[in-house]
Amino acid sequence: MKTLKKVILLKFLLLLFVSFAVAQPAIISQRDIFSPVEAKNSMVVTDDPIATKIGVKILKRGGNAVDAAVTIGFVMAVTFPRAGNIGGGGFMLTYSAKARRVVAIDYRETAPALAHRNMFLDKEGRVNSKLTRFSHLSAGIPGTVAGLALALEKYGTLSLKEVLAPAITLAEKGFVVTPKFSNTLKKYLPIFSLRNKSKSIQKIFLKPNGHFYESGDIFVQPDLAKTLKAIAKNGTKAFYQGKIADLIVKEMENNGGLITKTDLANYKAVIRQPVRGTYRGYDVYSMSPPSSGGVHLIQLLNILEPYQIESLGHNSATTIHLMSEAMKRAYADRSKYLGDPDFVDMPIEGLTSKEYATTLRKLINKIQATPSQDILPGIPPGYESNETTHYSVVDKDGNAVSNTYTLNFSFGSGIVVQNAGFFLNNEMDDFSAKPGVANIYGLIGGSANAIEPHKRMLSSMSPTIVLKEGNPFLITGSPGGSKIITTTLQIIMNVITHKMNIQEAVNALRIHHQWLPDELRVEEGISLDTLKLLTGMKHEVVVKNAMGSASSILIDQTRGIFYGAADPRRGGIALGF
């Protein structure tokens, strides 16, 4: 009898263990080579160590995730000027633990009132890429200051003055130059000098003796400190209506730019509904238009969901083939349908529906690539920077922020607003300057993304929050221009489909296809045997630079543990407490 009781007890314990094990996501195992950072109270992951540390400090002193995210945004304008900014724009997703709701904040740049469809065409009707990318005409109305302030006002607990204080200190007193920061300046400053005659860049980014800043030097930015102090004192009006606005307009008037004082005064950040989809029992929220990111992320997940990709294996030839064929079709749709929702009607529900995904999936040949020239945008039912940076934040109460913002290129247009200390974006290149002509990222656009006054240009930024049973599970996103969408897709699939821990998911090699050009881009390290199989399946395989930098957080609600993963591609840092 005792033996029988022991057997029953052992069976019960075994069943309990199995039930517990099944209920847990695949977070960490002893087979894992890479492990994420763990914390019990909060987590911050950014591309910049200084910003990450300051974000954690804000959380430790009682600020919430939005307070930390806004502080980080301003800090990176000082410490990470190649992408962190107050002269650009972006998108933020926030999750409120109290309301159990995800909200999207759109602070994308807008076209000036004097902008027009043919403003970048020469007499022969050809696109002048120098004007779209490296001139004062290339700048849209900056949205970062308005967007961060709106997020703080609606969902934060600290004042604008409080969240700006760390950035002001860093600009005024300086920070220690790292080898990476020094090398970046040495790479880009000569390029900027060739593109424009402005001495503002040399004034800021060279020493008084004309030499480059070296590792270990202290880098101070007095003009930027004055700008940030003005915003701290007088709020967003200082930037959009006050002395800073005057400096921006003067920069425009002296150099043939279009932005006026009225343009700046009329700029507004907007709260939008994020796009939502489901993937294998998880709720996926991402950025809605004018970003194409969320729509096509959901579309791709819908197409790929029924395939038994976990059985095919991560980055196997067949898995990569199916993913790239899905990517082609999503990017073909991007070229036709998406733009600013205030200007064009878009079939969002159709593009993100499971039914439409089924239609597209039936067009995929499982053993051979379809040439991009044979793929046209589909007919969905119903109408309704490489040098970007992304960061993720979760606080002790479960509030979460996924934020992606950018200047477009590294250091934007390379043009600094004189005496204000910050770079201007060159986001006008993200419009379709001419239907059928690619932008810098090779993306083709049409009339939905044509230039119009006050319009927001289409983006690929995809800040994303994945919920499990209504609670945050994964906070992710990435820089990378056109590769943002596919990078974010692979993080989600690596975690949910391939059961990787979040650091492995972030580190894993990436692939990308954007329809045109017709090439399957892969990172260095994909097996040569796999590449040969893909070539045999008629893919045009190219090995290029690393893609993205997916600063991500995974939350184990059962254990109450936050797992942070910085991306080794950009040398960021994850910290929690």
Protein backbone atom coordinates (compact mmCIF):
# COMPACT_ATOMS: atom_id res chain seq x y z
CA MET A 1 0.00 0.00 0.00
CA LYS A 2 2.86 2.36 0.89
CA THR A 3 4.53 1.50 -2.39
CA LEU A 4 1.33 2.32 -4.29
CA LYS A 5 1.03 5.65 -2.47
CA LYS A 6 4.63 6.48 -3.36
CA VAL A 7 3.99 5.68 -7.00
CA ILE A 8 0.87 7.85 -7.03
CA LEU A 9 2.76 10.67 -5.30
CA LEU A 10 5.65 10.43 -7.75
CA LYS A 11 3.24 10.47 -10.69
CA PHE A 12 1.50 13.52 -9.24
CA LEU A 13 4.80 15.35 -8.72
CA LEU A 14 5.92 14.41 -12.22
CA LEU A 15 2.64 15.66 -13.69
CA LEU A 16 2.96 18.88 -11.69
CA PHE A 17 6.52 19.36 -12.93
CA VAL A 18 5.55 18.72 -16.53
CA SER A 19 2.58 21.09 -16.27
CA PHE A 20 4.83 23.76 -14.77
CA ALA A 21 7.48 23.23 -17.43
CA VAL A 22 4.96 23.44 -20.27
CA ALA A 23 3.46 26.63 -18.86
CA GLN A 24 6.81 28.43 -18.96
CA PRO A 25 8.23 30.05 -22.07
CA ALA A 26 11.59 28.73 -23.22
CA ILE A 27 13.69 31.34 -21.41
CA ILE A 28 17.04 29.81 -20.46
CA SER A 29 18.48 26.33 -20.72
CA GLN A 30 21.86 24.77 -20.01
CA ARG A 31 22.34 24.25 -23.74
CA ASP A 32 22.30 28.00 -24.42
CA ILE A 33 25.57 29.60 -25.44
CA PHE A 34 24.39 33.19 -24.92
CA SER A 35 22.48 34.39 -21.87
CA PRO A 36 20.58 37.66 -21.34
CA VAL A 37 20.89 40.06 -18.40
CA GLU A 38 18.44 39.24 -15.59
CA ALA A 39 16.69 41.58 -13.15
CA LYS A 40 13.72 41.42 -10.77
CA ASN A 41 12.47 45.03 -10.79
CA SER A 42 13.06 46.64 -14.16
CA MET A 43 15.10 46.53 -17.35
CA VAL A 44 16.54 49.05 -19.81
CA VAL A 45 18.23 48.15 -23.10
CA THR A 46 19.70 50.78 -25.44
CA ASP A 47 22.52 51.14 -27.96
CA ASP A 48 24.35 53.53 -25.63
CA PRO A 49 25.82 52.56 -22.22
CA ILE A 50 25.44 56.06 -20.75
CA ALA A 51 21.77 56.24 -21.71
CA THR A 52 21.07 52.77 -20.33
CA LYS A 53 22.65 53.61 -16.95
CA ILE A 54 20.74 56.88 -16.67
CA GLY A 55 17.49 55.15 -17.60
CA VAL A 56 17.99 52.68 -14.76
CA LYS A 57 18.69 55.57 -12.37
CA ILE A 58 15.36 57.15 -13.29
CA LEU A 59 13.58 53.87 -12.55
CA LYS A 60 15.43 53.42 -9.25
CA ARG A 61 14.30 56.84 -8.04
CA GLY A 62 10.66 55.95 -8.72
CA GLY A 63 10.11 57.09 -12.29
CA ASN A 64 8.06 54.87 -14.56
CA ALA A 65 8.97 53.36 -17.94
CA VAL A 66 7.84 56.45 -19.87
CA ASP A 67 9.88 58.76 -17.61
CA ALA A 68 12.94 56.62 -18.27
CA ALA A 69 12.26 56.37 -22.02
CA VAL A 70 11.89 60.13 -22.44
CA THR A 71 15.03 60.76 -20.39
CA ILE A 72 16.92 58.25 -22.56
CA GLY A 73 15.65 59.97 -25.72
CA PHE A 74 17.11 63.31 -24.67
CA VAL A 75 20.34 61.78 -23.31
CA MET A 76 21.04 59.97 -26.58
CA ALA A 77 20.65 63.28 -28.42
CA VAL A 78 23.83 64.21 -26.55
CA THR A 79 25.77 60.94 -26.30
CA PHE A 80 24.65 59.17 -29.51
CA PRO A 81 24.29 62.01 -32.06
CA ARG A 82 24.53 59.75 -35.11
CA ALA A 83 20.95 58.58 -34.38
CA GLY A 84 19.76 59.96 -31.03
CA ASN A 85 18.26 63.33 -31.77
CA ILE A 86 16.07 66.35 -31.22
CA GLY A 87 16.25 67.21 -34.92
CA GLY A 88 14.50 64.09 -36.19
CA GLY A 89 11.45 62.05 -35.27
CA GLY A 90 10.12 58.60 -34.53
CA PHE A 91 7.49 56.37 -33.01
CA MET A 92 6.80 55.12 -29.48
CA LEU A 93 4.62 52.28 -28.20
CA THR A 94 3.67 52.34 -24.53
CA TYR A 95 1.94 49.67 -22.47
CA SER A 96 0.05 50.78 -19.36
CA ALA A 97 -0.14 48.04 -16.72
CA LYS A 98 -3.02 49.83 -15.02
CA ALA A 99 -5.12 50.29 -18.17
CA ARG A 100 -3.78 47.06 -19.75
CA ARG A 101 -3.59 48.93 -23.05
CA VAL A 102 -1.02 49.63 -25.76
CA VAL A 103 -0.91 53.15 -27.23
CA ALA A 104 1.13 54.44 -30.20
CA ILE A 105 2.68 57.91 -30.31
CA ASP A 106 3.52 59.23 -33.77
CA TYR A 107 6.17 61.94 -33.77
CA ARG A 108 7.28 61.41 -37.35
CA GLU A 109 8.56 64.47 -39.21
CA THR A 110 6.25 66.30 -41.63
CA ALA A 111 6.87 68.03 -44.95
CA PRO A 112 7.05 71.85 -44.91
CA ALA A 113 4.08 73.80 -46.29
CA LEU A 114 6.15 74.83 -49.33
CA ALA A 115 7.04 71.23 -50.22
CA HIS A 116 5.63 69.84 -53.47
CA ARG A 117 5.61 66.60 -55.42
CA ASN A 118 8.32 67.52 -57.94
CA MET A 119 10.64 69.45 -55.64
CA PHE A 120 13.54 67.01 -56.09
CA LEU A 121 13.30 66.55 -59.87
CA ASP A 122 15.67 68.22 -62.34
CA LYS A 123 14.67 69.66 -65.72
CA GLU A 124 14.78 66.20 -67.27
CA GLY A 125 12.48 64.80 -64.58
CA ARG A 126 15.22 62.83 -62.85
CA VAL A 127 15.53 62.65 -59.06
CA ASN A 128 18.41 64.72 -57.67
CA SER A 129 19.54 62.46 -54.82
CA LYS A 130 21.92 65.10 -53.46
CA LEU A 131 18.95 67.36 -52.79
CA THR A 132 16.84 64.59 -51.23
CA ARG A 133 19.61 63.51 -48.87
CA PHE A 134 22.22 66.18 -48.21
CA SER A 135 20.59 69.59 -48.58
CA HIS A 136 18.47 71.82 -46.38
CA LEU A 137 15.53 70.79 -48.58
CA SER A 138 15.90 67.23 -47.25
CA ALA A 139 14.80 68.17 -43.72
CA GLY A 140 11.29 67.52 -42.47
CA ILE A 141 9.78 69.36 -39.48
CA PRO A 142 11.44 67.69 -36.44
CA GLY A 143 9.06 65.78 -34.17
CA THR A 144 11.22 64.35 -31.39
CA VAL A 145 10.80 67.16 -28.85
CA ALA A 146 7.02 67.25 -29.30
CA GLY A 147 6.73 63.46 -29.22
CA LEU A 148 8.79 62.91 -26.10
CA ALA A 149 7.01 65.76 -24.33
CA LEU A 150 3.59 64.34 -25.28
CA ALA A 151 4.54 60.89 -23.98
CA LEU A 152 5.71 62.43 -20.71
CA GLU A 153 2.60 64.59 -20.31
CA LYS A 154 0.17 61.74 -20.97
CA TYR A 155 1.89 58.76 -19.38
CA GLY A 156 4.87 59.92 -17.31
CA THR A 157 5.18 61.09 -13.71
CA LEU A 158 8.17 63.47 -13.87
CA SER A 159 8.41 67.00 -15.24
CA LEU A 160 10.09 67.92 -18.52
CA LYS A 161 12.70 69.80 -16.49
CA GLU A 162 13.50 66.67 -14.47
CA VAL A 163 13.90 64.34 -17.45
CA LEU A 164 16.05 66.86 -19.33
CA ALA A 165 18.46 67.40 -16.43
CA PRO A 166 20.78 64.44 -17.19
CA ALA A 167 21.08 65.42 -20.87
CA ILE A 168 21.84 69.04 -19.96
CA THR A 169 24.58 67.92 -17.56
CA LEU A 170 26.15 65.67 -20.17
CA ALA A 171 26.08 68.40 -22.81
CA GLU A 172 27.37 71.09 -20.45
CA LYS A 173 30.02 69.15 -18.50
CA GLY A 174 30.75 66.55 -21.13
CA PHE A 175 31.29 62.81 -21.20
CA VAL A 176 34.29 60.58 -21.81
CA VAL A 177 34.87 59.81 -25.49
CA THR A 178 34.99 56.09 -26.30
CA PRO A 179 37.10 54.58 -29.12
CA LYS A 180 33.87 53.88 -31.03
CA PHE A 181 32.64 57.48 -30.70
CA SER A 182 36.02 58.82 -31.82
CA ASN A 183 36.20 56.49 -34.82
CA THR A 184 32.66 57.43 -35.87
CA LEU A 185 33.57 61.13 -35.93
CA LYS A 186 36.74 60.41 -37.91
CA LYS A 187 34.67 58.48 -40.45
CA TYR A 188 31.87 61.01 -40.98
CA LEU A 189 33.39 64.47 -40.44
CA PRO A 190 35.42 64.44 -43.69
CA ILE A 191 32.26 63.40 -45.56
CA PHE A 192 30.26 66.27 -44.04
CA SER A 193 33.02 68.75 -44.91
CA LEU A 194 32.78 67.76 -48.57
CA ARG A 195 28.98 68.00 -48.64
CA ASN A 196 28.54 71.44 -47.11
CA LYS A 197 30.60 74.47 -46.20
CA SER A 198 29.15 74.93 -42.71
CA LYS A 199 31.69 75.39 -39.94
CA SER A 200 29.16 74.44 -37.26
CA ILE A 201 30.12 70.75 -37.43
CA GLN A 202 33.82 71.46 -37.04
CA LYS A 203 33.05 73.82 -34.16
CA ILE A 204 31.22 71.06 -32.30
CA PHE A 205 33.02 67.88 -33.26
CA LEU A 206 36.64 69.02 -33.52
CA LYS A 207 38.84 70.32 -30.72
CA PRO A 208 39.69 74.05 -30.71
CA ASN A 209 43.06 73.14 -32.22
CA GLY A 210 41.31 71.41 -35.14
CA HIS A 211 42.20 67.88 -34.04
CA PHE A 212 39.78 64.99 -33.63
CA TYR A 213 38.54 63.96 -30.20
CA GLU A 214 40.36 60.82 -29.09
CA SER A 215 39.37 58.08 -26.67
CA GLY A 216 39.54 59.38 -23.11
CA ASP A 217 38.92 63.03 -24.03
CA ILE A 218 35.97 64.92 -22.53
CA PHE A 219 33.42 65.95 -25.17
CA VAL A 220 31.42 69.08 -24.33
CA GLN A 221 28.55 70.60 -26.37
CA PRO A 222 27.72 74.10 -25.03
CA ASP A 223 25.32 75.06 -27.86
CA LEU A 224 23.28 71.90 -27.39
CA ALA A 225 23.29 72.50 -23.61
CA LYS A 226 21.73 75.95 -24.20
CA THR A 227 19.09 74.41 -26.47
CA LEU A 228 18.16 71.76 -23.93
CA LYS A 229 18.06 74.33 -21.12
CA ALA A 230 15.65 76.45 -23.14
CA ILE A 231 13.34 73.45 -23.61
CA ALA A 232 13.57 72.62 -19.88
CA LYS A 233 12.64 76.20 -18.98
CA ASN A 234 9.97 76.99 -21.56
CA GLY A 235 8.78 73.58 -22.74
CA THR A 236 8.14 72.63 -26.35
CA LYS A 237 7.34 76.26 -27.22
CA ALA A 238 11.05 77.02 -26.94
CA PHE A 239 11.73 74.61 -29.76
CA TYR A 240 8.71 75.22 -31.99
CA GLN A 241 7.99 78.91 -31.38
CA GLY A 242 10.89 80.47 -29.48
CA LYS A 243 14.60 81.10 -29.96
CA ILE A 244 15.37 77.59 -31.20
CA ALA A 245 12.69 77.93 -33.87
CA ASP A 246 14.30 81.21 -34.91
CA LEU A 247 17.66 79.49 -35.31
CA ILE A 248 16.14 76.68 -37.40
CA VAL A 249 14.38 79.17 -39.68
CA LYS A 250 17.52 81.27 -40.04
CA GLU A 251 19.43 78.12 -41.04
CA MET A 252 16.76 77.43 -43.66
CA GLU A 253 16.61 80.98 -45.04
CA ASN A 254 20.38 81.19 -45.38
CA ASN A 255 20.67 77.88 -47.23
CA GLY A 256 17.62 77.48 -49.44
CA GLY A 257 15.56 75.37 -47.03
CA LEU A 258 11.76 75.43 -46.77
CA ILE A 259 10.92 75.14 -43.06
CA THR A 260 9.21 78.28 -41.74
CA LYS A 261 8.25 79.52 -38.29
CA THR A 262 4.63 78.67 -39.11
CA ASP A 263 5.63 75.09 -40.02
CA LEU A 264 7.30 74.65 -36.64
CA ALA A 265 4.47 76.27 -34.68
CA ASN A 266 1.91 74.02 -36.36
CA TYR A 267 3.72 70.72 -35.74
CA LYS A 268 1.85 68.23 -33.56
CA ALA A 269 2.74 64.76 -32.31
CA VAL A 270 -0.24 62.39 -32.61
CA ILE A 271 -1.59 59.53 -30.48
CA ARG A 272 -2.69 56.65 -32.72
CA GLN A 273 -4.05 53.15 -32.41
CA PRO A 274 -1.29 50.59 -32.95
CA VAL A 275 -1.84 47.77 -35.42
CA ARG A 276 -2.60 44.44 -33.78
CA GLY A 277 -2.22 40.86 -34.89
CA THR A 278 -1.85 37.43 -33.37
CA TYR A 279 0.90 34.86 -33.77
CA ARG A 280 0.65 31.40 -32.22
CA GLY A 281 -1.35 32.54 -29.22
CA TYR A 282 0.46 35.85 -28.65
CA ASP A 283 -0.91 39.35 -29.29
CA VAL A 284 1.46 41.45 -31.36
CA TYR A 285 1.17 45.25 -31.26
CA SER A 286 3.29 47.42 -33.52
CA MET A 287 3.39 50.87 -35.09
CA SER A 288 0.59 51.92 -37.41
CA PRO A 289 0.97 54.20 -40.47
CA PRO A 290 2.68 56.46 -41.33
CA SER A 291 5.00 53.61 -40.44
CA SER A 292 4.71 50.58 -42.68
CA GLY A 293 6.48 48.54 -40.01
CA GLY A 294 3.57 47.22 -37.99
CA VAL A 295 1.31 46.45 -40.95
CA HIS A 296 3.90 44.36 -42.76
CA LEU A 297 5.21 42.75 -39.58
CA ILE A 298 1.69 41.42 -38.92
CA GLN A 299 1.30 40.49 -42.59
CA LEU A 300 4.54 38.48 -42.53
CA LEU A 301 3.66 36.70 -39.28
CA ASN A 302 0.27 35.79 -40.78
CA ILE A 303 1.84 34.33 -43.92
CA LEU A 304 4.45 32.32 -42.00
CA GLU A 305 2.32 31.16 -39.05
CA PRO A 306 0.94 27.89 -40.57
CA TYR A 307 4.31 26.63 -41.81
CA GLN A 308 6.01 24.12 -39.48
CA ILE A 309 9.13 26.26 -39.43
CA GLU A 310 10.27 24.94 -36.05
CA SER A 311 10.57 21.50 -37.66
CA LEU A 312 12.43 22.88 -40.67
CA GLY A 313 15.02 24.44 -38.40
CA HIS A 314 16.32 27.94 -37.73
CA ASN A 315 18.04 29.44 -40.78
CA SER A 316 17.77 26.21 -42.75
CA ALA A 317 17.55 26.68 -46.52
CA THR A 318 13.82 25.89 -46.59
CA THR A 319 13.07 28.22 -43.65
CA ILE A 320 15.01 31.09 -45.25
CA HIS A 321 13.31 30.40 -48.59
CA LEU A 322 9.80 30.61 -47.11
CA MET A 323 10.62 33.72 -45.12
CA SER A 324 12.18 35.52 -48.07
CA GLU A 325 9.25 34.67 -50.36
CA ALA A 326 6.86 36.09 -47.76
CA MET A 327 9.05 39.20 -47.44
CA LYS A 328 8.94 39.84 -51.20
CA ARG A 329 5.17 39.92 -51.22
CA ALA A 330 4.89 42.19 -48.17
CA TYR A 331 7.36 44.72 -49.60
CA ALA A 332 5.56 44.65 -52.95
CA ASP A 333 2.39 45.68 -51.11
CA ARG A 334 4.33 48.36 -49.23
CA SER A 335 5.25 50.01 -52.51
CA LYS A 336 1.61 50.60 -53.42
CA TYR A 337 -0.65 50.95 -50.43
CA LEU A 338 0.95 52.72 -47.47
CA GLY A 339 1.42 56.38 -46.60
CA ASP A 340 0.24 59.02 -44.14
CA PRO A 341 -3.23 58.04 -42.83
CA ASP A 342 -4.22 61.73 -42.75
CA PHE A 343 -3.74 61.88 -46.53
CA VAL A 344 -4.49 58.46 -48.03
CA ASP A 345 -6.96 55.63 -47.46
CA MET A 346 -5.25 52.32 -46.83
CA PRO A 347 -6.55 48.73 -46.69
CA ILE A 348 -5.00 48.11 -43.26
CA GLU A 349 -7.55 45.51 -42.16
CA GLY A 350 -7.15 43.68 -45.42
CA LEU A 351 -3.35 43.72 -45.39
CA THR A 352 -3.24 42.40 -41.82
CA SER A 353 -5.98 39.79 -42.19
CA LYS A 354 -5.35 36.04 -41.96
CA GLU A 355 -7.47 35.57 -45.09
CA TYR A 356 -5.26 37.79 -47.23
CA ALA A 357 -2.18 36.03 -45.87
CA THR A 358 -3.67 32.74 -47.01
CA THR A 359 -4.10 34.16 -50.51
CA LEU A 360 -0.46 35.24 -50.63
CA ARG A 361 0.79 31.97 -49.11
CA LYS A 362 -0.83 30.01 -51.96
CA LEU A 363 1.37 31.95 -54.39
CA ILE A 364 4.59 30.79 -52.73
CA ASN A 365 6.43 27.96 -54.46
CA LYS A 366 7.88 25.88 -51.62
CA ILE A 367 10.95 24.74 -53.57
CA GLN A 368 11.80 27.61 -55.91
CA ALA A 369 12.05 31.40 -55.65
CA THR A 370 9.62 33.54 -57.59
CA PRO A 371 11.47 36.33 -59.48
CA SER A 372 10.57 39.75 -58.06
CA GLN A 373 9.66 40.96 -61.54
CA ASP A 374 6.83 38.42 -61.50
CA ILE A 375 5.47 39.65 -58.15
CA LEU A 376 3.03 42.56 -58.15
CA PRO A 377 1.28 44.18 -55.19
CA GLY A 378 -1.65 41.99 -54.14
CA ILE A 379 -5.28 42.99 -53.82
CA PRO A 380 -6.09 43.06 -50.10
CA PRO A 381 -9.80 43.15 -49.23
CA GLY A 382 -11.42 46.34 -47.98
CA TYR A 383 -10.08 49.89 -47.61
CA GLU A 384 -9.88 51.99 -44.48
CA SER A 385 17.69 54.77 -41.00
CA ASN A 386 20.11 52.46 -41.35
CA GLU A 387 21.16 54.95 -38.64
CA THR A 388 18.11 54.85 -36.50
CA THR A 389 18.22 53.72 -32.87
CA HIS A 390 15.81 51.65 -30.82
CA TYR A 391 15.47 51.11 -27.08
CA SER A 392 13.19 49.15 -24.75
CA VAL A 393 12.18 49.84 -21.15
CA VAL A 394 10.10 47.97 -18.55
CA ASP A 395 9.48 49.18 -15.00
CA LYS A 396 8.65 47.36 -11.76
CA ASP A 397 4.90 47.81 -12.29
CA GLY A 398 4.96 46.19 -15.72
CA ASN A 399 4.66 49.39 -17.75
CA ALA A 400 6.64 49.09 -20.97
CA VAL A 401 7.99 51.32 -23.73
CA SER A 402 9.29 50.40 -27.17
CA ASN A 403 10.77 53.46 -28.89
CA THR A 404 12.44 53.92 -32.26
CA TYR A 405 13.65 57.32 -33.46
CA THR A 406 15.97 58.57 -36.15
CA LEU A 407 17.61 61.25 -38.25
CA ASN A 408 17.42 58.83 -41.22
CA PHE A 409 21.11 58.59 -42.20
CA SER A 410 23.96 58.55 -39.71
CA PHE A 411 23.96 62.17 -38.43
CA GLY A 412 20.98 62.85 -40.74
CA SER A 413 21.75 65.35 -43.48
CA GLY A 414 25.06 66.19 -41.83
CA ILE A 415 23.77 69.74 -41.33
CA VAL A 416 23.89 71.30 -37.86
CA VAL A 417 21.61 74.18 -36.88
CA GLN A 418 24.11 76.95 -36.21
CA ASN A 419 24.34 77.96 -32.53
CA ALA A 420 21.73 75.32 -31.58
CA GLY A 421 24.06 72.32 -31.59
CA PHE A 422 21.91 69.60 -33.17
CA PHE A 423 21.70 67.84 -36.53
CA LEU A 424 18.82 68.15 -38.96
CA ASN A 425 17.17 65.03 -40.34
CA ASN A 426 17.02 64.17 -44.04
CA GLU A 427 13.70 62.33 -43.85
CA MET A 428 12.31 63.93 -47.01
CA ASP A 429 14.21 61.13 -48.79
CA ASP A 430 11.66 58.71 -47.30
CA PHE A 431 8.96 60.15 -49.53
CA SER A 432 8.56 58.81 -53.03
CA ALA A 433 10.34 61.62 -54.90
CA LYS A 434 9.17 60.00 -58.14
CA PRO A 435 6.96 56.91 -58.53
CA GLY A 436 9.08 53.83 -59.24
CA VAL A 437 12.39 55.45 -58.22
CA ALA A 438 14.07 53.91 -55.16
CA ASN A 439 15.20 55.88 -52.13
CA ILE A 440 18.56 55.33 -50.38
CA TYR A 441 17.33 52.00 -48.95
CA GLY A 442 16.24 50.71 -52.35
CA LEU A 443 12.57 51.03 -51.43
CA ILE A 444 10.13 51.74 -54.24
CA GLY A 445 7.16 54.02 -53.60
CA GLY A 446 4.08 55.29 -55.37
CA SER A 447 1.49 58.03 -55.14
CA ALA A 448 0.39 57.03 -51.61
CA ASN A 449 3.79 58.22 -50.38
CA ALA A 450 4.22 61.18 -52.74
CA ILE A 451 5.41 64.51 -51.32
CA GLU A 452 2.64 66.83 -50.11
CA PRO A 453 2.67 69.80 -47.71
CA HIS A 454 2.28 68.84 -44.02
CA LYS A 455 2.36 65.11 -44.90
CA ARG A 456 4.31 62.52 -42.90
CA MET A 457 6.69 60.41 -44.94
CA LEU A 458 6.37 56.62 -44.84
CA SER A 459 8.69 54.78 -42.46
CA SER A 460 9.78 51.22 -41.68
CA MET A 461 10.25 51.82 -37.94
CA SER A 462 8.57 49.02 -36.01
CA PRO A 463 8.58 49.49 -32.23
CA THR A 464 6.73 46.39 -31.04
CA ILE A 465 5.20 45.01 -27.85
CA VAL A 466 4.09 41.37 -27.71
CA LEU A 467 1.57 40.40 -25.02
CA LYS A 468 0.90 36.99 -23.54
CA GLU A 469 -2.48 36.66 -21.86
CA GLY A 470 -2.72 40.45 -21.69
CA ASN A 471 0.69 41.00 -20.08
CA PRO A 472 3.92 42.22 -21.69
CA PHE A 473 6.05 39.32 -22.92
CA LEU A 474 8.44 40.82 -25.47
CA ILE A 475 9.48 44.43 -26.11
CA THR A 476 11.53 44.81 -29.26
CA GLY A 477 12.33 46.81 -32.38
CA SER A 478 15.41 47.83 -34.33
CA PRO A 479 17.14 50.39 -36.50
CA GLY A 480 18.09 49.41 -40.04
CA GLY A 481 16.03 51.32 -42.62
CA SER A 482 14.15 48.86 -44.82
CA LYS A 483 15.58 45.99 -42.75
CA ILE A 484 13.80 47.07 -39.57
CA ILE A 485 10.65 45.09 -40.37
CA THR A 486 12.48 41.85 -41.15
CA THR A 487 14.79 42.18 -38.15
CA THR A 488 11.81 42.60 -35.81
CA LEU A 489 10.07 39.67 -37.49
CA GLN A 490 13.06 37.41 -36.84
CA ILE A 491 13.32 38.40 -33.16
CA ILE A 492 9.66 37.41 -32.62
CA MET A 493 10.00 34.15 -34.54
CA ASN A 494 13.29 33.26 -32.85
CA VAL A 495 11.62 33.54 -29.44
CA ILE A 496 8.16 32.11 -30.13
CA THR A 497 8.81 29.65 -32.96
CA HIS A 498 12.37 28.56 -32.27
CA LYS A 499 12.17 28.84 -28.46
CA MET A 500 15.39 30.82 -28.12
CA ASN A 501 16.20 32.88 -25.06
CA ILE A 502 16.11 36.58 -25.85
CA GLN A 503 19.88 37.02 -26.09
CA GLU A 504 20.16 34.12 -28.53
CA ALA A 505 17.24 35.55 -30.50
CA VAL A 506 18.99 38.92 -30.77
CA ASN A 507 22.41 37.46 -31.60
CA ALA A 508 21.14 35.04 -34.27
CA LEU A 509 22.18 35.63 -37.89
CA ARG A 510 19.65 37.56 -39.98
CA ILE A 511 18.31 37.52 -43.52
CA HIS A 512 16.40 40.10 -45.55
CA HIS A 513 14.51 40.45 -48.82
CA GLN A 514 12.60 43.59 -49.81
CA TRP A 515 11.24 42.59 -53.24
CA LEU A 516 13.41 45.09 -55.12
CA PRO A 517 16.27 44.76 -55.69
CA ASP A 518 15.73 41.03 -56.22
CA GLU A 519 18.39 39.84 -53.81
CA LEU A 520 18.33 37.70 -50.69
CA ARG A 521 20.61 39.47 -48.26
CA VAL A 522 22.25 37.39 -45.50
CA GLU A 523 24.68 38.14 -42.71
CA GLU A 524 28.15 36.64 -42.66
CA GLY A 525 28.12 33.20 -41.06
CA ILE A 526 25.17 31.45 -42.74
CA SER A 527 26.38 27.97 -43.70
CA LEU A 528 27.94 27.70 -47.18
CA ASP A 529 25.89 24.53 -47.72
CA THR A 530 22.73 26.52 -46.96
CA LEU A 531 23.76 29.29 -49.35
CA LYS A 532 24.35 26.73 -52.11
CA LEU A 533 20.91 25.22 -51.54
CA LEU A 534 19.33 28.67 -51.71
CA THR A 535 21.18 29.44 -54.93
CA GLY A 536 19.86 26.15 -56.28
CA MET A 537 16.36 27.36 -55.42
CA LYS A 538 16.98 30.36 -57.74
CA HIS A 539 17.68 32.92 -55.02
CA GLU A 540 20.17 35.70 -55.75
CA VAL A 541 22.09 35.43 -52.47
CA VAL A 542 24.36 38.28 -51.32
CA VAL A 543 26.40 38.50 -48.12
CA LYS A 544 26.49 42.07 -46.78
CA ASN A 545 26.98 44.02 -43.56
CA ALA A 546 25.29 43.11 -40.29
CA MET A 547 21.65 44.18 -40.03
CA GLY A 548 19.83 46.00 -37.24
CA SER A 549 20.36 46.39 -33.52
CA ALA A 550 17.41 44.87 -31.70
CA SER A 551 17.56 46.10 -28.11
CA SER A 552 14.99 43.77 -26.57
CA ILE A 553 13.40 42.68 -23.30
CA LEU A 554 11.59 39.43 -22.51
CA ILE A 555 9.45 39.13 -19.39
CA ASP A 556 8.82 35.88 -17.53
CA GLN A 557 5.60 36.79 -15.70
CA THR A 558 5.53 33.49 -13.78
CA ARG A 559 8.98 33.92 -12.27
CA GLY A 560 8.82 37.70 -12.15
CA ILE A 561 12.10 38.11 -14.05
CA PHE A 562 13.07 40.61 -16.72
CA TYR A 563 15.57 39.45 -19.34
CA GLY A 564 17.42 42.15 -21.27
CA ALA A 565 19.37 41.62 -24.49
CA ALA A 566 21.59 44.25 -26.10
CA ASP A 567 22.60 43.62 -29.68
CA PRO A 568 26.31 42.87 -30.22
CA ARG A 569 26.05 44.43 -33.68
CA ARG A 570 26.12 47.90 -32.13
CA GLY A 571 27.63 47.30 -28.71
CA GLY A 572 24.70 48.46 -26.59
CA ILE A 573 24.03 47.46 -23.01
CA ALA A 574 21.21 45.94 -20.97
CA LEU A 575 20.88 46.82 -17.29
CA GLY A 576 18.25 46.26 -14.63
CA PHE A 577 17.90 46.11 -10.89
